[in-house]
Amino acid sequence: MPNERVSRPVFFLALAFTLVMALLPKPPSLPIDRFGDKFEHMLAFSVLTVLARYSSRRASSWRLLEHLSFLGALIEVFQSIPALHRDCDPRDWAADTIAIGITLLLMRWLGPRLGFNRPIITETHG
């Protein structure tokens, strides 16, 4: 299981990538474009959720759901800026939030089977 020192920078890189792709006026084409916009939203927020859980293991699932869902809502608000030539769609925010919730539930259910719910081990120096 990755520790927070490794997973936190990876989370912030994924977050930056998500924000750039969401706020570019014309984002580059990706191979997953053929699956549709909602799939892209759900994939992005599922990945962010996994990385957020690994990088913030002390945070409650409710807190992660709240913050990541708020991020999805903010993205939609920013996409309503006319200069970006993007569309604000509340259904995208709903897809983000559903993906976050399902991912957290799956991690809670699969966590013990995958060794995720082991106690946090802190390093001691001395």
C-alpha atoms as a PDB file:
ATOM      1  CA  MET A   1       0.000   0.000   0.000  1.00  0.00           C
ATOM      2  CA  PRO A   2       1.464   3.387  -0.933  1.00  0.00           C
ATOM      3  CA  ASN A   3       2.238   5.720   1.921  1.00  0.00           C
ATOM      4  CA  GLU A   4       1.039   9.294   2.118  1.00  0.00           C
ATOM      5  CA  ARG A   5       4.416  10.743   1.113  1.00  0.00           C
ATOM      6  CA  VAL A   6       4.138   8.989  -2.238  1.00  0.00           C
ATOM      7  CA  SER A   7       0.408   9.176  -2.845  1.00  0.00           C
ATOM      8  CA  ARG A   8      -0.090  12.843  -1.929  1.00  0.00           C
ATOM      9  CA  PRO A   9       2.087  14.244  -4.770  1.00  0.00           C
ATOM     10  CA  VAL A  10       0.468  11.771  -7.180  1.00  0.00           C
ATOM     11  CA  PHE A  11      -2.955  12.996  -6.035  1.00  0.00           C
ATOM     12  CA  PHE A  12      -1.990  16.627  -6.676  1.00  0.00           C
ATOM     13  CA  LEU A  13      -0.612  15.767 -10.117  1.00  0.00           C
ATOM     14  CA  ALA A  14      -3.867  13.990 -10.994  1.00  0.00           C
ATOM     15  CA  LEU A  15      -5.835  16.929  -9.603  1.00  0.00           C
ATOM     16  CA  ALA A  16      -3.827  19.384 -11.719  1.00  0.00           C
ATOM     17  CA  PHE A  17      -4.340  17.228 -14.818  1.00  0.00           C
ATOM     18  CA  THR A  18      -8.088  17.059 -14.130  1.00  0.00           C
ATOM     19  CA  LEU A  19      -8.355  20.813 -13.667  1.00  0.00           C
ATOM     20  CA  VAL A  20      -6.349  21.604 -16.788  1.00  0.00           C
ATOM     21  CA  MET A  21      -8.406  19.211 -18.908  1.00  0.00           C
ATOM     22  CA  ALA A  22     -11.650  20.581 -17.456  1.00  0.00           C
ATOM     23  CA  LEU A  23     -10.762  24.223 -17.957  1.00  0.00           C
ATOM     24  CA  LEU A  24      -8.965  24.229 -21.306  1.00  0.00           C
ATOM     25  CA  PRO A  25     -11.137  25.878 -23.956  1.00  0.00           C
ATOM     26  CA  LYS A  26     -10.358  23.000 -26.334  1.00  0.00           C
ATOM     27  CA  PRO A  27      -8.813  20.038 -24.515  1.00  0.00           C
ATOM     28  CA  PRO A  28      -6.813  17.540 -26.575  1.00  0.00           C
ATOM     29  CA  SER A  29      -8.522  14.389 -27.749  1.00  0.00           C
ATOM     30  CA  LEU A  30      -8.014  11.296 -25.652  1.00  0.00           C
ATOM     31  CA  PRO A  31      -8.672   7.633 -26.476  1.00  0.00           C
ATOM     32  CA  ILE A  32     -11.449   7.552 -23.847  1.00  0.00           C
ATOM     33  CA  ASP A  33     -13.404  10.305 -25.644  1.00  0.00           C
ATOM     34  CA  ARG A  34     -15.326   7.633 -27.536  1.00  0.00           C
ATOM     35  CA  PHE A  35     -16.978   6.524 -24.272  1.00  0.00           C
ATOM     36  CA  GLY A  36     -18.553   9.930 -23.706  1.00  0.00           C
ATOM     37  CA  ASP A  37     -18.318  12.888 -21.392  1.00  0.00           C
ATOM     38  CA  LYS A  38     -19.987  11.248 -18.374  1.00  0.00           C
ATOM     39  CA  PHE A  39     -17.547   8.330 -18.542  1.00  0.00           C
ATOM     40  CA  GLU A  40     -14.638  10.779 -18.537  1.00  0.00           C
ATOM     41  CA  HIS A  41     -16.080  12.570 -15.512  1.00  0.00           C
ATOM     42  CA  MET A  42     -16.656   9.342 -13.621  1.00  0.00           C
ATOM     43  CA  LEU A  43     -13.202   7.987 -14.459  1.00  0.00           C
ATOM     44  CA  ALA A  44     -11.461  11.208 -13.421  1.00  0.00           C
ATOM     45  CA  PHE A  45     -13.296  11.425 -10.114  1.00  0.00           C
ATOM     46  CA  SER A  46     -12.902   7.721  -9.376  1.00  0.00           C
ATOM     47  CA  VAL A  47      -9.142   8.057  -9.801  1.00  0.00           C
ATOM     48  CA  LEU A  48      -9.081  11.235  -7.708  1.00  0.00           C
ATOM     49  CA  THR A  49     -11.090   9.459  -5.004  1.00  0.00           C
ATOM     50  CA  VAL A  50      -8.704   6.500  -4.822  1.00  0.00           C
ATOM     51  CA  LEU A  51      -5.710   8.824  -4.677  1.00  0.00           C
ATOM     52  CA  ALA A  52      -7.399  11.090  -2.112  1.00  0.00           C
ATOM     53  CA  ARG A  53      -8.195   8.097   0.101  1.00  0.00           C
ATOM     54  CA  TYR A  54      -4.584   6.886  -0.030  1.00  0.00           C
ATOM     55  CA  SER A  55      -3.148  10.362   0.544  1.00  0.00           C
ATOM     56  CA  SER A  56      -5.595  11.337   3.315  1.00  0.00           C
ATOM     57  CA  ARG A  57      -6.163   8.121   5.192  1.00  0.00           C
ATOM     58  CA  ARG A  58      -7.271   9.891   8.368  1.00  0.00           C
ATOM     59  CA  ALA A  59     -10.042  11.816   6.568  1.00  0.00           C
ATOM     60  CA  SER A  60     -13.520  10.351   6.791  1.00  0.00           C
ATOM     61  CA  SER A  61     -15.250   9.097   3.685  1.00  0.00           C
ATOM     62  CA  TRP A  62     -17.914  11.743   4.194  1.00  0.00           C
ATOM     63  CA  ARG A  63     -15.258  14.460   4.218  1.00  0.00           C
ATOM     64  CA  LEU A  64     -13.688  13.120   1.011  1.00  0.00           C
ATOM     65  CA  LEU A  65     -17.116  12.882  -0.633  1.00  0.00           C
ATOM     66  CA  GLU A  66     -17.907  16.444   0.406  1.00  0.00           C
ATOM     67  CA  HIS A  67     -14.642  17.961  -0.786  1.00  0.00           C
ATOM     68  CA  LEU A  68     -14.375  16.076  -4.061  1.00  0.00           C
ATOM     69  CA  SER A  69     -18.038  16.699  -4.867  1.00  0.00           C
ATOM     70  CA  PHE A  70     -17.492  20.398  -4.173  1.00  0.00           C
ATOM     71  CA  LEU A  71     -14.516  20.302  -6.549  1.00  0.00           C
ATOM     72  CA  GLY A  72     -16.788  18.831  -9.243  1.00  0.00           C
ATOM     73  CA  ALA A  73     -19.336  21.596  -8.638  1.00  0.00           C
ATOM     74  CA  LEU A  74     -16.625  24.267  -8.839  1.00  0.00           C
ATOM     75  CA  ILE A  75     -15.399  22.868 -12.131  1.00  0.00           C
ATOM     76  CA  GLU A  76     -18.915  23.158 -13.528  1.00  0.00           C
ATOM     77  CA  VAL A  77     -19.191  26.757 -12.281  1.00  0.00           C
ATOM     78  CA  PHE A  78     -15.870  27.662 -13.912  1.00  0.00           C
ATOM     79  CA  GLN A  79     -16.937  25.951 -17.131  1.00  0.00           C
ATOM     80  CA  SER A  80     -19.804  28.422 -17.325  1.00  0.00           C
ATOM     81  CA  ILE A  81     -17.299  31.246 -17.975  1.00  0.00           C
ATOM     82  CA  PRO A  82     -18.013  32.288 -21.582  1.00  0.00           C
ATOM     83  CA  ALA A  83     -14.321  32.747 -22.481  1.00  0.00           C
ATOM     84  CA  LEU A  84     -13.683  29.031 -21.852  1.00  0.00           C
ATOM     85  CA  HIS A  85     -16.282  27.950 -24.433  1.00  0.00           C
ATOM     86  CA  ARG A  86     -17.260  25.060 -22.172  1.00  0.00           C
ATOM     87  CA  ASP A  87     -20.666  23.936 -20.917  1.00  0.00           C
ATOM     88  CA  CYS A  88     -21.828  23.947 -17.321  1.00  0.00           C
ATOM     89  CA  ASP A  89     -23.873  20.793 -16.833  1.00  0.00           C
ATOM     90  CA  PRO A  90     -25.245  19.832 -13.409  1.00  0.00           C
ATOM     91  CA  ARG A  91     -25.458  16.233 -14.669  1.00  0.00           C
ATOM     92  CA  ASP A  92     -21.655  16.226 -14.917  1.00  0.00           C
ATOM     93  CA  TRP A  93     -21.472  17.213 -11.247  1.00  0.00           C
ATOM     94  CA  ALA A  94     -23.966  14.450 -10.442  1.00  0.00           C
ATOM     95  CA  ALA A  95     -21.811  11.943 -12.362  1.00  0.00           C
ATOM     96  CA  ASP A  96     -18.747  13.129 -10.423  1.00  0.00           C
ATOM     97  CA  THR A  97     -20.527  12.750  -7.083  1.00  0.00           C
ATOM     98  CA  ILE A  98     -21.928   9.322  -7.939  1.00  0.00           C
ATOM     99  CA  ALA A  99     -18.473   8.133  -8.996  1.00  0.00           C
ATOM    100  CA  ILE A 100     -16.952   9.431  -5.753  1.00  0.00           C
ATOM    101  CA  GLY A 101     -19.600   7.693  -3.632  1.00  0.00           C
ATOM    102  CA  ILE A 102     -19.381   4.378  -5.468  1.00  0.00           C
ATOM    103  CA  THR A 103     -15.575   4.432  -5.357  1.00  0.00           C
ATOM    104  CA  LEU A 104     -15.563   5.109  -1.614  1.00  0.00           C
ATOM    105  CA  LEU A 105     -18.058   2.300  -1.041  1.00  0.00           C
ATOM    106  CA  LEU A 106     -16.016  -0.118  -3.139  1.00  0.00           C
ATOM    107  CA  MET A 107     -12.846   0.849  -1.306  1.00  0.00           C
ATOM    108  CA  ARG A 108     -14.578   0.308   2.037  1.00  0.00           C
ATOM    109  CA  TRP A 109     -15.887  -3.082   0.924  1.00  0.00           C
ATOM    110  CA  LEU A 110     -12.725  -4.240  -0.857  1.00  0.00           C
ATOM    111  CA  GLY A 111     -10.317  -2.536   1.530  1.00  0.00           C
ATOM    112  CA  PRO A 112     -10.061  -5.352   4.069  1.00  0.00           C
ATOM    113  CA  ARG A 113      -9.656  -7.900   1.264  1.00  0.00           C
ATOM    114  CA  LEU A 114      -6.835  -5.868  -0.283  1.00  0.00           C
ATOM    115  CA  GLY A 115      -5.158  -4.923   2.980  1.00  0.00           C
ATOM    116  CA  PHE A 116      -6.184  -1.263   2.723  1.00  0.00           C
ATOM    117  CA  ASN A 117      -7.767  -0.993   6.163  1.00  0.00           C
ATOM    118  CA  ARG A 118      -4.620  -1.930   8.043  1.00  0.00           C
ATOM    119  CA  PRO A 119      -3.729   0.485  10.839  1.00  0.00           C
ATOM    120  CA  ILE A 120      -1.635   3.460   9.898  1.00  0.00           C
ATOM    121  CA  ILE A 121       1.977   2.775  10.762  1.00  0.00           C
ATOM    122  CA  THR A 122       4.020   5.802  11.638  1.00  0.00           C
ATOM    123  CA  GLU A 123       7.770   5.853  11.518  1.00  0.00           C
ATOM    124  CA  THR A 124       9.576   6.634  14.731  1.00  0.00           C
ATOM    125  CA  HIS A 125      13.033   8.055  14.876  1.00  0.00           C
ATOM    126  CA  GLY A 126      15.264   7.350  17.755  1.00  0.00           C
END
